[in-house]
Amino acid sequence: MTYNPQLTVHSSALVAMSGGVDSAAAALLTKREGLECAGATIRLHANAVSGEADARAAAASIGIPFFVFDFSASFAEGVIERFVSAYREGRTPNPCVDCNKRIKFGRFMEKAREMGKDCIVTGHYAKVERDSSGRHLLKKGADRSKDQSYVLYTLSQDQLAYARFPLGGLSKADARELATGAGLGVSGKRESQDICFVPDGDYAKFIESHTGERARKGRFVDADGNDLGENDGVVRYTLGQRRGLGLAMPYPPYVIELRPEDGTVVVGRDGQLFSKALRVRGINLIAADRLDVPLRARVKIRYRHAEQPATVRQVGEDELSIEFDEPQRAITKGQAAVIYDGDVVVGGGTIA
């Protein structure tokens, strides 16, 4: 494939400002580019209050109007409930993917249009370009260590046409330097590595608090079905987990399967976690309408996974079959499989 970048012209923007350095730098660059812009924070949950204050201060320093939009009800329904359901069903979800699809490029984009803005701006490290046919393409950010194209694979042509990512060609160090040079108070702010609504990283505790129900205990078994004792509930385990199992085994045990229907956690050897093939559903294709012939590409099966060579086939209107050249470890139901042709995101879906 060959690509011919063409720029989409925008004149006014609504900048999503989280209170961090990336979104502040994106707002600064948008203002300097001459767009008529405003900043806005999306209120998603109780943990977001400190971010609102930092975002408001950054917007004031940049000299743009600032708004707060309360999308907490939509976030609870479209992100948190899906997160909780996935874990209870033995899947490992990626709530950032759902948030981008349903909130940042859903409700927030709708709000921007209501305000008469012709684009939204975010601090994602990714790029949007158009090919010679006019199709919008999602591409990796220049800073490979910060590239966020993986969590944006669900975006439609309409959403990509309406989005701008000013940091796509920059590094994280560049963004900090911009913020520091402009005297923005967030320039030295550390990044959060946790899911925003589970700041302590204890997903099981959050799920129990959210549902008001204790996780149902089940049994550990090995691959041959031998009973190994009681587990603390499937929500407390993920595929490939080694630590915290509390099992005395003649080999290092890993979680190799979750059976939420009866609460069983199957453990085995590390080598039993490797497989070559997977099915993907809930697909979104960006670089093409559909895959009419098998595609040689590279596929990423989790955010921190190094993409690997594979053959991708579309086997239904909403289903892909992916076969890797080499077995991959812990292909996990609920995570996203994202397909790349060089820097270009072909598309992706949820591992089923």
Protein backbone atom coordinates (compact mmCIF):
# COMPACT_ATOMS: atom_id res chain seq x y z
CA MET A 1 0.00 0.00 0.00
CA THR A 2 1.14 3.57 -0.67
CA TYR A 3 -0.16 6.56 1.21
CA ASN A 4 -0.48 10.18 0.16
CA PRO A 5 -1.00 12.37 3.25
CA GLN A 6 -3.45 15.22 2.86
CA LEU A 7 -4.39 17.56 5.66
CA THR A 8 -7.93 18.25 6.82
CA VAL A 9 -8.44 21.99 7.38
CA HIS A 10 -10.08 23.03 10.65
CA SER A 11 -10.77 26.50 12.04
CA SER A 12 -12.23 25.93 15.51
CA ALA A 13 -11.55 23.26 18.10
CA LEU A 14 -12.65 21.87 21.43
CA VAL A 15 -9.64 20.47 23.29
CA ALA A 16 -10.10 17.57 25.70
CA MET A 17 -8.03 18.55 28.75
CA SER A 18 -7.44 15.93 31.44
CA GLY A 19 -5.20 18.01 33.68
CA GLY A 20 -2.06 16.30 32.41
CA VAL A 21 0.89 17.60 30.41
CA ASP A 22 -0.06 15.95 27.11
CA SER A 23 -3.49 17.52 26.75
CA ALA A 24 -2.15 20.89 27.93
CA ALA A 25 0.58 20.78 25.28
CA ALA A 26 -2.03 19.82 22.66
CA ALA A 27 -4.15 22.83 23.67
CA LEU A 28 -1.11 25.11 23.51
CA LEU A 29 -0.20 23.94 20.01
CA THR A 30 -3.80 24.31 18.82
CA LYS A 31 -3.98 27.87 20.12
CA ARG A 32 -0.62 28.73 18.51
CA GLU A 33 -1.82 27.31 15.20
CA GLY A 34 -4.48 30.00 15.17
CA LEU A 35 -7.60 27.93 15.68
CA GLU A 36 -10.45 29.41 17.69
CA CYS A 37 -10.37 26.98 20.60
CA ALA A 38 -11.74 26.18 24.01
CA GLY A 39 -10.68 23.59 26.54
CA ALA A 40 -12.93 21.17 28.35
CA THR A 41 -12.59 18.46 30.97
CA ILE A 42 -14.82 15.41 30.87
CA ARG A 43 -16.06 14.56 34.36
CA LEU A 44 -16.21 10.77 34.45
CA HIS A 45 -16.06 9.81 38.13
CA ALA A 46 -15.16 11.10 41.60
CA ASN A 47 -11.40 10.61 41.08
CA ALA A 48 -11.32 13.29 38.35
CA VAL A 49 -11.72 16.39 40.55
CA SER A 50 -8.00 17.19 40.92
CA GLY A 51 -7.55 16.84 37.17
CA GLU A 52 -10.28 19.42 36.59
CA ALA A 53 -8.44 22.00 38.69
CA ASP A 54 -5.16 21.43 36.83
CA ALA A 55 -6.91 21.57 33.45
CA ARG A 56 -8.70 24.81 34.37
CA ALA A 57 -5.40 26.40 35.43
CA ALA A 58 -3.68 25.27 32.21
CA ALA A 59 -6.51 26.67 30.07
CA ALA A 60 -6.28 29.99 31.91
CA SER A 61 -2.51 30.15 31.33
CA ILE A 62 -2.98 29.42 27.62
CA GLY A 63 -5.77 32.00 27.42
CA ILE A 64 -8.69 29.87 26.23
CA PRO A 65 -12.22 29.41 27.62
CA PHE A 66 -12.74 26.33 29.77
CA PHE A 67 -15.73 24.06 30.36
CA VAL A 68 -16.54 20.95 32.39
CA PHE A 69 -18.88 18.34 30.96
CA ASP A 70 -20.36 15.75 33.29
CA PHE A 71 -20.50 12.47 31.37
CA SER A 72 -20.35 10.31 34.49
CA ALA A 73 -23.67 8.56 33.75
CA SER A 74 -22.58 7.65 30.22
CA PHE A 75 -19.17 6.54 31.53
CA ALA A 76 -20.75 4.34 34.19
CA GLU A 77 -22.98 2.64 31.62
CA GLY A 78 -20.65 2.48 28.63
CA VAL A 79 -17.31 1.82 30.35
CA ILE A 80 -17.57 0.77 34.00
CA GLU A 81 -20.47 -1.67 33.57
CA ARG A 82 -18.75 -3.28 30.59
CA PHE A 83 -15.52 -3.52 32.60
CA VAL A 84 -17.25 -5.22 35.52
CA SER A 85 -19.22 -7.61 33.29
CA ALA A 86 -16.11 -8.62 31.37
CA TYR A 87 -14.15 -9.57 34.49
CA ARG A 88 -17.09 -11.50 35.91
CA GLU A 89 -17.31 -13.41 32.62
CA GLY A 90 -13.64 -14.37 32.70
CA ARG A 91 -12.48 -11.79 30.17
CA THR A 92 -9.84 -9.08 30.62
CA PRO A 93 -11.19 -5.81 29.20
CA ASN A 94 -9.45 -2.63 28.05
CA PRO A 95 -11.63 0.23 29.36
CA CYS A 96 -9.52 2.88 27.60
CA VAL A 97 -10.70 1.48 24.25
CA ASP A 98 -14.34 1.72 25.37
CA CYS A 99 -13.83 5.22 26.77
CA ASN A 100 -12.31 6.49 23.52
CA LYS A 101 -15.09 4.98 21.43
CA ARG A 102 -18.07 5.93 23.58
CA ILE A 103 -17.00 9.01 25.54
CA LYS A 104 -14.07 10.98 24.12
CA PHE A 105 -14.95 10.40 20.47
CA GLY A 106 -18.64 9.86 21.23
CA ARG A 107 -20.28 12.16 23.76
CA PHE A 108 -17.44 14.71 23.74
CA MET A 109 -17.48 14.92 19.95
CA GLU A 110 -21.26 15.40 19.98
CA LYS A 111 -20.81 18.25 22.47
CA ALA A 112 -18.18 19.89 20.27
CA ARG A 113 -20.55 19.82 17.31
CA GLU A 114 -23.33 21.32 19.42
CA MET A 115 -20.93 24.17 20.26
CA GLY A 116 -20.21 24.76 16.57
CA LYS A 117 -16.61 23.48 16.69
CA ASP A 118 -15.36 21.73 13.58
CA CYS A 119 -12.90 19.40 15.34
CA ILE A 120 -11.85 17.99 18.67
CA VAL A 121 -8.25 17.87 19.86
CA THR A 122 -6.72 15.33 22.23
CA GLY A 123 -3.25 14.68 23.59
CA HIS A 124 -2.96 11.19 22.09
CA TYR A 125 0.33 10.19 20.51
CA ALA A 126 -1.06 9.15 17.12
CA LYS A 127 -1.57 10.63 13.65
CA VAL A 128 -4.47 11.05 11.24
CA GLU A 129 -3.80 11.40 7.52
CA ARG A 130 -5.81 10.99 4.33
CA ASP A 131 -4.81 8.77 1.44
CA SER A 132 -5.23 9.67 -2.24
CA SER A 133 -8.80 8.31 -2.24
CA GLY A 134 -9.84 10.57 0.65
CA ARG A 135 -9.96 7.78 3.24
CA HIS A 136 -8.79 8.84 6.67
CA LEU A 137 -5.98 6.72 8.09
CA LEU A 138 -4.90 6.25 11.68
CA LYS A 139 -1.13 5.98 12.06
CA LYS A 140 1.34 5.41 14.88
CA GLY A 141 2.76 8.37 16.77
CA ALA A 142 6.38 9.30 16.10
CA ASP A 143 7.33 8.50 19.70
CA ARG A 144 7.09 4.70 19.60
CA SER A 145 7.38 4.44 23.39
CA LYS A 146 4.22 6.57 23.75
CA ASP A 147 2.27 5.50 20.64
CA GLN A 148 -1.45 5.23 21.45
CA SER A 149 -2.84 4.12 18.10
CA TYR A 150 -3.71 0.75 19.71
CA VAL A 151 -6.42 2.26 21.94
CA LEU A 152 -7.86 4.30 19.05
CA TYR A 153 -8.51 1.44 16.61
CA THR A 154 -12.33 1.69 17.05
CA LEU A 155 -12.55 5.16 15.48
CA SER A 156 -14.77 5.55 12.42
CA GLN A 157 -14.04 7.59 9.30
CA ASP A 158 -16.31 10.35 10.65
CA GLN A 159 -14.50 10.39 14.00
CA LEU A 160 -11.05 10.42 12.39
CA ALA A 161 -12.08 13.29 10.08
CA TYR A 162 -13.17 15.29 13.12
CA ALA A 163 -10.11 14.56 15.29
CA ARG A 164 -6.73 16.24 15.60
CA PHE A 165 -3.70 14.83 17.42
CA PRO A 166 -1.09 17.62 17.66
CA LEU A 167 1.38 15.41 19.55
CA GLY A 168 1.50 12.75 16.83
CA GLY A 169 4.84 13.95 15.51
CA LEU A 170 6.37 14.77 18.91
CA SER A 171 8.00 12.92 21.78
CA LYS A 172 6.94 13.06 25.41
CA ALA A 173 10.04 15.14 26.11
CA ASP A 174 8.91 17.60 23.42
CA ALA A 175 5.50 17.92 25.07
CA ARG A 176 7.05 18.61 28.48
CA GLU A 177 9.42 21.17 26.98
CA LEU A 178 6.49 22.99 25.35
CA ALA A 179 4.55 23.07 28.60
CA THR A 180 7.59 24.20 30.59
CA GLY A 181 8.41 26.93 28.11
CA ALA A 182 4.85 28.26 28.34
CA GLY A 183 4.97 28.24 32.14
CA LEU A 184 2.18 25.70 32.51
CA GLY A 185 1.93 24.30 36.03
CA VAL A 186 1.30 20.77 34.75
CA SER A 187 4.67 20.58 32.98
CA GLY A 188 6.23 18.44 35.72
CA LYS A 189 3.16 16.38 36.52
CA ARG A 190 3.71 12.62 36.60
CA GLU A 191 1.64 10.28 34.47
CA SER A 192 -0.88 7.92 36.00
CA GLN A 193 -0.23 4.30 35.05
CA ASP A 194 -3.50 2.97 36.44
CA ILE A 195 -7.04 2.78 35.11
CA CYS A 196 -8.54 6.13 36.10
CA PHE A 197 -11.48 4.74 38.09
CA VAL A 198 -9.34 2.10 39.84
CA PRO A 199 -6.41 4.24 41.06
CA ASP A 200 -5.03 1.60 43.43
CA GLY A 201 -5.06 -1.09 40.73
CA ASP A 202 -7.18 -3.51 42.79
CA TYR A 203 -9.76 -4.46 40.16
CA ALA A 204 -11.37 -7.19 42.26
CA LYS A 205 -11.95 -4.86 45.21
CA PHE A 206 -13.46 -2.26 42.87
CA ILE A 207 -15.80 -4.84 41.31
CA GLU A 208 -16.93 -6.06 44.73
CA SER A 209 -17.55 -2.48 45.87
CA HIS A 210 -19.36 -1.60 42.65
CA THR A 211 -21.64 -4.64 42.67
CA GLY A 212 -22.01 -4.97 46.44
CA GLU A 213 -21.23 -8.66 46.10
CA ARG A 214 -18.23 -10.66 47.28
CA ALA A 215 -16.47 -12.60 44.54
CA ARG A 216 -17.74 -16.18 44.47
CA LYS A 217 -14.97 -18.57 45.42
CA GLY A 218 -14.23 -21.56 43.21
CA ARG A 219 -11.64 -24.28 42.75
CA PHE A 220 -8.15 -24.47 41.33
CA VAL A 221 -7.61 -27.45 39.03
CA ASP A 222 -4.73 -28.53 36.83
CA ALA A 223 -5.00 -29.27 33.10
CA ASP A 224 -5.95 -32.88 33.89
CA GLY A 225 -8.81 -31.79 36.15
CA ASN A 226 -7.14 -32.61 39.45
CA ASP A 227 -8.49 -30.48 42.30
CA LEU A 228 -5.81 -28.23 43.84
CA GLY A 229 -7.84 -26.31 46.40
CA GLU A 230 -9.99 -23.20 46.71
CA ASN A 231 -9.48 -20.00 44.73
CA ASP A 232 -10.66 -16.48 45.62
CA GLY A 233 -12.97 -16.00 42.62
CA VAL A 234 -12.28 -15.69 38.87
CA VAL A 235 -12.32 -11.86 39.01
CA ARG A 236 -9.05 -12.02 40.96
CA TYR A 237 -7.13 -13.83 38.22
CA THR A 238 -6.00 -13.16 34.67
CA LEU A 239 -4.54 -15.40 31.99
CA GLY A 240 -0.80 -15.85 32.47
CA GLN A 241 -0.85 -14.83 36.15
CA ARG A 242 1.92 -16.37 38.23
CA ARG A 243 1.98 -14.44 41.49
CA GLY A 244 -0.54 -14.69 44.27
CA LEU A 245 -1.82 -18.16 43.47
CA GLY A 246 -0.65 -19.69 46.76
CA LEU A 247 -0.20 -23.14 45.25
CA ALA A 248 2.57 -25.61 46.08
CA MET A 249 3.33 -27.33 42.77
CA PRO A 250 6.23 -29.38 41.36
CA TYR A 251 6.53 -26.67 38.67
CA PRO A 252 5.85 -22.90 38.60
CA PRO A 253 2.07 -22.69 38.04
CA TYR A 254 0.39 -20.14 35.77
CA VAL A 255 -3.27 -19.41 35.13
CA ILE A 256 -4.00 -21.00 31.74
CA GLU A 257 -7.81 -20.86 31.69
CA LEU A 258 -10.73 -19.21 33.50
CA ARG A 259 -14.15 -20.88 33.71
CA PRO A 260 -16.54 -18.27 35.13
CA GLU A 261 -19.58 -20.53 34.74
CA ASP A 262 -18.46 -22.60 37.73
CA GLY A 263 -15.68 -20.45 39.19
CA THR A 264 -12.84 -22.76 38.13
CA VAL A 265 -9.31 -21.45 37.60
CA VAL A 266 -7.13 -23.84 35.60
CA VAL A 267 -3.38 -23.72 36.19
CA GLY A 268 -0.55 -25.26 34.23
CA ARG A 269 2.94 -24.74 32.91
CA ASP A 270 4.08 -21.58 31.14
CA GLY A 271 4.39 -23.46 27.85
CA GLN A 272 0.65 -24.17 27.89
CA LEU A 273 -0.05 -20.44 27.50
CA PHE A 274 1.25 -20.29 23.93
CA SER A 275 -0.98 -20.47 20.84
CA LYS A 276 -0.86 -19.30 17.23
CA ALA A 277 -4.47 -18.59 16.29
CA LEU A 278 -7.34 -16.46 17.53
CA ARG A 279 -10.71 -15.12 16.49
CA VAL A 280 -11.65 -11.46 16.72
CA ARG A 281 -15.19 -10.06 16.85
CA GLY A 282 -16.65 -6.57 17.13
CA ILE A 283 -14.29 -5.53 14.34
CA ASN A 284 -13.59 -2.05 13.03
CA LEU A 285 -11.61 -1.66 9.80
CA ILE A 286 -10.05 1.74 9.09
CA ALA A 287 -7.72 1.30 6.09
CA ALA A 288 -10.25 -0.74 4.08
CA ASP A 289 -13.97 -1.48 4.03
CA ARG A 290 -13.28 -5.21 4.33
CA LEU A 291 -10.48 -7.71 3.80
CA ASP A 292 -11.36 -9.57 0.61
CA VAL A 293 -8.09 -11.51 0.52
CA PRO A 294 -5.74 -12.74 3.28
CA LEU A 295 -3.57 -9.92 4.58
CA ARG A 296 0.03 -10.24 5.72
CA ALA A 297 0.38 -7.80 8.60
CA ARG A 298 1.67 -7.36 12.14
CA VAL A 299 -0.73 -7.76 15.04
CA LYS A 300 -0.65 -6.48 18.61
CA ILE A 301 -2.69 -8.41 21.21
CA ARG A 302 -2.28 -6.06 24.17
CA TYR A 303 -1.12 -2.49 24.69
CA ARG A 304 2.42 -3.39 25.82
CA HIS A 305 2.75 -6.32 23.40
CA ALA A 306 5.28 -6.08 20.58
CA GLU A 307 3.33 -6.54 17.34
CA GLN A 308 4.05 -9.83 15.59
CA PRO A 309 3.81 -11.05 11.97
CA ALA A 310 0.56 -12.82 11.15
CA THR A 311 -1.94 -13.63 8.41
CA VAL A 312 -5.33 -11.99 8.84
CA ARG A 313 -8.52 -13.24 7.14
CA GLN A 314 -12.02 -11.84 7.30
CA VAL A 315 -14.29 -14.82 7.89
CA GLY A 316 -17.57 -12.99 8.48
CA GLU A 317 -19.12 -9.54 8.47
CA ASP A 318 -17.96 -9.04 12.05
CA GLU A 319 -15.21 -11.62 12.50
CA LEU A 320 -11.54 -12.00 11.70
CA SER A 321 -9.27 -15.01 11.91
CA ILE A 322 -5.64 -14.30 12.83
CA GLU A 323 -2.80 -16.81 12.64
CA PHE A 324 0.62 -15.79 13.91
CA ASP A 325 3.83 -17.03 12.35
CA GLU A 326 5.04 -17.98 15.82
CA PRO A 327 3.03 -18.93 18.95
CA GLN A 328 2.15 -16.00 21.22
CA ARG A 329 1.89 -16.08 25.00
CA ALA A 330 -1.40 -15.55 26.85
CA ILE A 331 -3.77 -14.50 24.07
CA THR A 332 -6.49 -13.12 26.32
CA LYS A 333 -10.24 -12.92 25.72
CA GLY A 334 -11.53 -9.37 26.04
CA GLN A 335 -8.31 -7.65 24.98
CA ALA A 336 -8.01 -5.92 21.62
CA ALA A 337 -6.14 -7.36 18.66
CA VAL A 338 -4.97 -4.46 16.47
CA ILE A 339 -3.62 -4.96 12.95
CA TYR A 340 -0.82 -2.85 11.47
CA ASP A 341 0.50 -2.39 7.95
CA GLY A 342 3.72 -0.58 8.76
CA ASP A 343 2.66 2.58 10.64
CA VAL A 344 -0.95 2.34 9.49
CA VAL A 345 -3.71 0.83 11.65
CA VAL A 346 -5.65 -1.50 9.36
CA GLY A 347 -8.22 -2.12 12.08
CA GLY A 348 -8.91 -4.46 14.95
CA GLY A 349 -11.45 -6.04 17.26
CA THR A 350 -11.99 -7.87 20.53
CA ILE A 351 -10.35 -11.24 21.08
CA ALA A 352 -13.17 -13.75 21.37
